[in-house]
Amino acid sequence: MSSPVQAPVGSKRTLPKVRDVMQRSVILIRDEDSVALAQQLMLWNDIRHLPVLRAVDRKLVGIVSERDVLRGLQAGMDAGALAVREIMSAPADHIHPNALVADAAADLSTKRIGCLPVVDAGEVVGILAVSDVLGLLAQYPAKRQVVVNGSESVASIMHPEPIAVHPDDRLVMTAQRMAQTGVRHACVVDGEGTVVGIVSDRDVRRLLGDPRRVLDASGLPKGAGEARVSAAMTPDPVVIRQDETVHSALETLIRFRFGALPVVADNGHLRGIVSYLDVLQHFAAEHV
């Protein structure tokens, strides 16, 4: 990844452009290639997204994610016989290399996507992932470094009413709540309201399959309906206090490569949840 231009963040004019932080080495796949190949490319290169090119003219026509691949496999499809075009998201959202990173942050957060292919004159010249933007933000702190009346605190951007469940709750019920509300994380608390775990859609997928399919309990694996939250959750999760700065949340998300953090009061009781999307939205609101 190229190094970002060292300029102070104070106005839209001084913010880096997509070309300054995008990944220039992009792994591509054709729409006629197999899902098995897509899966291998992701594993080999430790990536979660592949821009998809139309085989006949090599123009961008879609994007395939790790989640797309997993959904296809869990539906019982043959990864070797299944073409990428059958599971990809199309058309693919993309961005120009001269666009501001702040605009990219707004797109990523509002569209709830993990990356943007960078396209110039019809050719894919790079890719900008959420991790690239978050890494940039860590180098360019927000204009206000001190929390004033809570305006730069985690509490100011968190979701104050996350899904909260108990370790003994049935996992399928938690998964249904997550699917119905369109969220990817649920916080696990004990009887006192102290955070003891977190459950992600990936955890749900590991035990139950595609979280969207749990709305129809008949599609669950045998015996999965009795699984408890404790079987899927990550125990003793990293949390952040509600009075810490947004920048602290950003640094923690980057350090541990998390998608979200439970937000707690000083006594460890759950107060909310903050995700990388919340940080991106905060950044976009400050600078776009």
Protein backbone atom coordinates (compact mmCIF):
# COMPACT_ATOMS: atom_id res chain seq x y z
CA MET A 1 0.00 0.00 0.00
CA SER A 2 1.34 3.45 -0.83
CA SER A 3 2.02 5.90 1.99
CA PRO A 4 -0.57 8.62 2.51
CA VAL A 5 0.33 12.21 1.79
CA GLN A 6 1.31 13.87 5.05
CA ALA A 7 -1.07 16.79 5.23
CA PRO A 8 -3.04 18.10 8.18
CA VAL A 9 -6.67 17.17 8.39
CA GLY A 10 -8.53 20.41 8.70
CA SER A 11 -10.56 20.88 5.57
CA LYS A 12 -11.77 18.98 2.59
CA ARG A 13 -8.96 20.46 0.45
CA THR A 14 -6.22 18.94 2.60
CA LEU A 15 -7.61 15.42 2.85
CA PRO A 16 -5.82 12.65 0.95
CA LYS A 17 -7.34 11.24 -2.19
CA VAL A 18 -8.19 7.62 -2.87
CA ARG A 19 -5.09 7.20 -5.05
CA ASP A 20 -2.90 8.07 -2.05
CA VAL A 21 -4.10 5.17 0.11
CA MET A 22 -5.60 2.56 -2.22
CA GLN A 23 -4.02 -0.86 -2.66
CA ARG A 24 -2.56 -0.88 -6.16
CA SER A 25 -2.03 -4.62 -6.31
CA VAL A 26 -5.49 -6.07 -6.90
CA ILE A 27 -6.44 -9.73 -7.16
CA LEU A 28 -9.14 -10.01 -9.82
CA ILE A 29 -11.38 -12.84 -10.95
CA ARG A 30 -13.53 -13.37 -14.05
CA ASP A 31 -17.28 -13.84 -13.91
CA GLU A 32 -16.97 -17.27 -15.54
CA ASP A 33 -14.40 -18.56 -13.05
CA SER A 34 -15.49 -21.01 -10.38
CA VAL A 35 -16.44 -20.16 -6.80
CA ALA A 36 -13.82 -22.72 -5.75
CA LEU A 37 -11.14 -20.56 -7.40
CA ALA A 38 -12.53 -17.45 -5.70
CA GLN A 39 -12.34 -19.20 -2.34
CA GLN A 40 -8.74 -20.27 -2.92
CA LEU A 41 -7.66 -16.80 -4.04
CA MET A 42 -9.12 -15.31 -0.86
CA LEU A 43 -7.39 -17.89 1.32
CA TRP A 44 -4.03 -17.61 -0.42
CA ASN A 45 -4.00 -13.81 -0.32
CA ASP A 46 -5.76 -13.31 3.06
CA ILE A 47 -8.44 -11.09 1.53
CA ARG A 48 -12.24 -10.99 1.72
CA HIS A 49 -13.25 -9.37 -1.58
CA LEU A 50 -12.51 -9.89 -5.25
CA PRO A 51 -13.53 -7.48 -8.02
CA VAL A 52 -15.16 -9.47 -10.83
CA LEU A 53 -14.36 -8.76 -14.49
CA ARG A 54 -16.51 -9.75 -17.44
CA ALA A 55 -14.51 -12.39 -19.30
CA VAL A 56 -15.23 -11.02 -22.79
CA ASP A 57 -13.97 -7.46 -22.26
CA ARG A 58 -12.42 -7.40 -18.73
CA LYS A 59 -14.76 -4.66 -17.52
CA LEU A 60 -15.83 -4.54 -13.89
CA VAL A 61 -19.24 -6.18 -13.49
CA GLY A 62 -19.43 -7.13 -9.83
CA ILE A 63 -17.68 -8.03 -6.63
CA VAL A 64 -17.61 -11.31 -4.73
CA SER A 65 -17.06 -11.42 -0.99
CA GLU A 66 -16.12 -14.10 1.50
CA ARG A 67 -19.72 -13.99 2.73
CA ASP A 68 -21.00 -14.62 -0.81
CA VAL A 69 -18.78 -17.69 -1.07
CA LEU A 70 -19.82 -19.04 2.33
CA ARG A 71 -23.50 -18.57 1.52
CA GLY A 72 -23.07 -20.51 -1.70
CA LEU A 73 -21.26 -23.37 0.03
CA GLN A 74 -23.77 -23.55 2.88
CA ALA A 75 -26.60 -23.76 0.37
CA GLY A 76 -25.09 -27.05 -0.75
CA MET A 77 -23.79 -25.73 -4.07
CA ASP A 78 -20.80 -27.33 -5.79
CA ALA A 79 -18.05 -24.70 -5.58
CA GLY A 80 -16.23 -26.27 -8.51
CA ALA A 81 -19.26 -26.17 -10.80
CA LEU A 82 -20.68 -22.83 -9.61
CA ALA A 83 -19.62 -19.72 -11.54
CA VAL A 84 -18.71 -16.52 -9.71
CA ARG A 85 -21.38 -14.61 -11.65
CA GLU A 86 -24.04 -16.67 -9.86
CA ILE A 87 -23.13 -15.42 -6.39
CA MET A 88 -21.45 -12.03 -6.95
CA SER A 89 -23.00 -8.68 -6.05
CA ALA A 90 -23.71 -6.65 -9.18
CA PRO A 91 -23.26 -3.99 -10.27
CA ALA A 92 -20.22 -3.21 -8.14
CA ASP A 93 -20.00 0.12 -6.37
CA HIS A 94 -16.69 1.74 -7.29
CA ILE A 95 -14.80 5.02 -6.97
CA HIS A 96 -12.35 7.13 -8.97
CA PRO A 97 -8.73 7.46 -7.79
CA ASN A 98 -9.08 11.27 -7.61
CA ALA A 99 -12.03 11.10 -5.21
CA LEU A 100 -11.42 12.20 -1.63
CA VAL A 101 -10.99 9.52 1.01
CA ALA A 102 -13.72 11.31 2.97
CA ASP A 103 -16.13 10.65 0.11
CA ALA A 104 -15.05 7.01 0.03
CA ALA A 105 -15.66 6.79 3.78
CA ALA A 106 -19.17 8.14 3.25
CA ASP A 107 -19.85 5.54 0.55
CA LEU A 108 -18.49 2.66 2.60
CA SER A 109 -20.49 3.62 5.68
CA THR A 110 -23.82 4.51 4.05
CA LYS A 111 -23.80 1.51 1.71
CA ARG A 112 -22.44 -0.81 4.43
CA ILE A 113 -19.83 -2.37 2.17
CA GLY A 114 -16.33 -3.57 2.92
CA CYS A 115 -14.42 -2.19 -0.05
CA LEU A 116 -14.57 -0.13 -3.23
CA PRO A 117 -12.80 -1.10 -6.46
CA VAL A 118 -10.98 1.94 -7.83
CA VAL A 119 -11.75 2.46 -11.51
CA ASP A 120 -10.12 4.88 -13.98
CA ALA A 121 -11.13 5.01 -17.64
CA GLY A 122 -12.99 1.73 -17.25
CA GLU A 123 -10.01 -0.14 -15.80
CA VAL A 124 -9.63 -1.42 -12.24
CA VAL A 125 -6.47 0.30 -10.97
CA GLY A 126 -6.78 -0.42 -7.27
CA ILE A 127 -9.01 -1.31 -4.37
CA LEU A 128 -9.86 0.64 -1.22
CA ALA A 129 -10.88 -1.44 1.79
CA VAL A 130 -12.41 -0.28 5.05
CA SER A 131 -9.13 -1.23 6.75
CA ASP A 132 -7.25 1.20 4.48
CA VAL A 133 -9.53 4.08 5.47
CA LEU A 134 -9.40 3.19 9.16
CA GLY A 135 -5.62 3.00 9.00
CA LEU A 136 -5.53 6.45 7.46
CA LEU A 137 -7.79 7.86 10.15
CA ALA A 138 -5.42 6.54 12.81
CA GLN A 139 -2.65 8.65 11.25
CA TYR A 140 -4.86 11.71 10.84
CA PRO A 141 -6.63 12.34 14.17
CA ALA A 142 -9.84 14.31 14.17
CA LYS A 143 -9.62 18.08 14.53
CA ARG A 144 -10.74 18.07 18.16
CA GLN A 145 -8.51 15.89 20.35
CA VAL A 146 -10.18 16.61 23.68
CA VAL A 147 -13.62 15.41 24.68
CA VAL A 148 -15.75 18.49 25.29
CA ASN A 149 -19.20 17.86 26.72
CA GLY A 150 -19.04 14.36 25.26
CA SER A 151 -18.90 15.64 21.65
CA GLU A 152 -15.89 13.48 20.73
CA SER A 153 -16.63 10.54 23.02
CA VAL A 154 -17.56 7.04 21.96
CA ALA A 155 -20.97 7.70 23.53
CA SER A 156 -21.60 10.38 20.90
CA ILE A 157 -21.46 7.90 17.99
CA MET A 158 -22.40 4.53 19.52
CA HIS A 159 -25.69 2.71 19.05
CA PRO A 160 -27.24 2.96 22.52
CA GLU A 161 -29.56 -0.04 22.23
CA PRO A 162 -27.59 -3.03 20.93
CA ILE A 163 -28.96 -6.53 20.94
CA ALA A 164 -28.17 -7.87 24.42
CA VAL A 165 -28.52 -11.57 25.20
CA HIS A 166 -27.59 -14.00 27.98
CA PRO A 167 -25.11 -16.87 27.49
CA ASP A 168 -27.90 -19.39 28.14
CA ASP A 169 -30.24 -17.93 25.51
CA ARG A 170 -30.87 -20.02 22.41
CA LEU A 171 -28.52 -19.01 19.63
CA VAL A 172 -31.20 -19.33 16.97
CA MET A 173 -33.33 -16.68 18.69
CA THR A 174 -30.34 -14.33 18.81
CA ALA A 175 -29.60 -15.02 15.15
CA GLN A 176 -33.20 -14.27 14.23
CA ARG A 177 -33.05 -10.92 16.04
CA MET A 178 -29.79 -10.08 14.24
CA ALA A 179 -31.26 -11.02 10.85
CA GLN A 180 -34.48 -9.08 11.44
CA THR A 181 -32.66 -5.90 12.48
CA GLY A 182 -29.82 -6.20 9.97
CA VAL A 183 -26.98 -6.08 12.51
CA ARG A 184 -23.83 -8.18 12.61
CA HIS A 185 -23.10 -8.25 16.34
CA ALA A 186 -24.95 -9.01 19.57
CA CYS A 187 -23.55 -8.30 23.04
CA VAL A 188 -23.66 -11.02 25.68
CA VAL A 189 -24.28 -9.91 29.27
CA ASP A 190 -24.70 -11.64 32.61
CA GLY A 191 -27.58 -11.13 35.02
CA GLU A 192 -26.08 -7.85 36.25
CA GLY A 193 -25.70 -6.35 32.78
CA THR A 194 -21.91 -6.83 32.64
CA VAL A 195 -20.52 -7.67 29.21
CA VAL A 196 -19.19 -11.24 29.14
CA GLY A 197 -19.11 -11.95 25.41
CA ILE A 198 -19.93 -10.90 21.86
CA VAL A 199 -21.52 -12.82 19.00
CA SER A 200 -20.92 -11.92 15.35
CA ASP A 201 -22.66 -13.05 12.20
CA ARG A 202 -19.55 -15.12 11.49
CA ASP A 203 -20.05 -16.95 14.79
CA VAL A 204 -23.67 -17.60 13.84
CA ARG A 205 -22.67 -18.84 10.41
CA ARG A 206 -20.21 -21.29 11.93
CA LEU A 207 -22.95 -23.08 13.88
CA LEU A 208 -26.19 -22.32 12.09
CA GLY A 209 -25.29 -21.41 8.51
CA ASP A 210 -26.36 -18.23 6.73
CA PRO A 211 -27.86 -15.91 9.41
CA ARG A 212 -30.58 -14.85 6.97
CA ARG A 213 -31.85 -18.44 6.73
CA VAL A 214 -32.49 -18.78 10.44
CA LEU A 215 -35.77 -16.93 9.97
CA ASP A 216 -36.98 -20.26 8.60
CA ALA A 217 -36.08 -22.69 11.37
CA SER A 218 -36.72 -25.64 9.05
CA GLY A 219 -33.46 -24.84 7.26
CA LEU A 220 -31.29 -25.27 10.36
CA PRO A 221 -28.76 -28.09 10.71
CA LYS A 222 -29.96 -30.99 12.87
CA GLY A 223 -29.85 -30.12 16.56
CA ALA A 224 -28.72 -26.54 15.93
CA GLY A 225 -31.98 -25.13 17.28
CA GLU A 226 -30.94 -26.04 20.82
CA ALA A 227 -27.47 -24.46 20.66
CA ARG A 228 -26.87 -21.74 23.25
CA VAL A 229 -25.24 -18.36 22.81
CA SER A 230 -22.32 -19.53 24.97
CA ALA A 231 -21.38 -22.06 22.30
CA ALA A 232 -20.81 -19.36 19.69
CA MET A 233 -19.75 -16.23 21.55
CA THR A 234 -16.28 -14.83 21.99
CA PRO A 235 -15.87 -14.66 25.79
CA ASP A 236 -14.31 -11.74 27.67
CA PRO A 237 -14.36 -9.45 24.62
CA VAL A 238 -12.37 -6.26 24.29
CA VAL A 239 -14.65 -3.38 25.29
CA ILE A 240 -14.37 0.39 25.34
CA ARG A 241 -15.67 2.87 27.90
CA GLN A 242 -18.35 5.30 26.84
CA ASP A 243 -16.23 8.33 27.80
CA GLU A 244 -13.21 7.35 25.71
CA THR A 245 -12.53 9.22 22.48
CA VAL A 246 -13.64 8.16 19.02
CA HIS A 247 -9.96 7.99 18.10
CA SER A 248 -9.38 5.45 20.89
CA ALA A 249 -12.16 3.30 19.45
CA LEU A 250 -10.58 3.59 16.02
CA GLU A 251 -7.18 2.48 17.28
CA THR A 252 -8.72 -0.50 19.08
CA LEU A 253 -10.70 -1.59 16.02
CA ILE A 254 -7.54 -1.47 13.91
CA ARG A 255 -5.31 -3.16 16.45
CA PHE A 256 -7.55 -6.18 16.91
CA ARG A 257 -9.16 -6.14 13.45
CA PHE A 258 -12.63 -6.09 15.02
CA GLY A 259 -15.85 -5.05 13.37
CA ALA A 260 -17.42 -3.68 16.54
CA LEU A 261 -16.80 -3.03 20.23
CA PRO A 262 -19.24 -3.24 23.16
CA VAL A 263 -19.39 0.12 24.93
CA VAL A 264 -19.50 0.00 28.72
CA ALA A 265 -19.82 2.25 31.74
CA ASP A 266 -17.07 2.36 34.38
CA ASN A 267 -18.66 -0.63 36.14
CA GLY A 268 -18.52 -2.77 32.99
CA HIS A 269 -22.27 -2.62 32.33
CA LEU A 270 -23.35 -2.49 28.70
CA ARG A 271 -24.21 0.96 27.36
CA GLY A 272 -24.03 0.50 23.60
CA ILE A 273 -21.99 -0.76 20.68
CA VAL A 274 -19.69 1.06 18.25
CA SER A 275 -18.65 -0.34 14.87
CA TYR A 276 -16.18 0.63 12.19
CA LEU A 277 -19.16 1.98 10.24
CA ASP A 278 -19.94 4.39 13.06
CA VAL A 279 -16.33 5.62 12.97
CA LEU A 280 -16.48 6.06 9.19
CA GLN A 281 -19.76 7.96 9.44
CA HIS A 282 -18.25 10.21 12.10
CA PHE A 283 -15.26 10.89 9.88
CA ALA A 284 -17.45 11.63 6.86
CA ALA A 285 -19.65 13.99 8.86
CA GLU A 286 -16.58 15.87 10.08
CA HIS A 287 -14.87 16.27 6.74
CA VAL A 288 -17.20 15.80 3.78
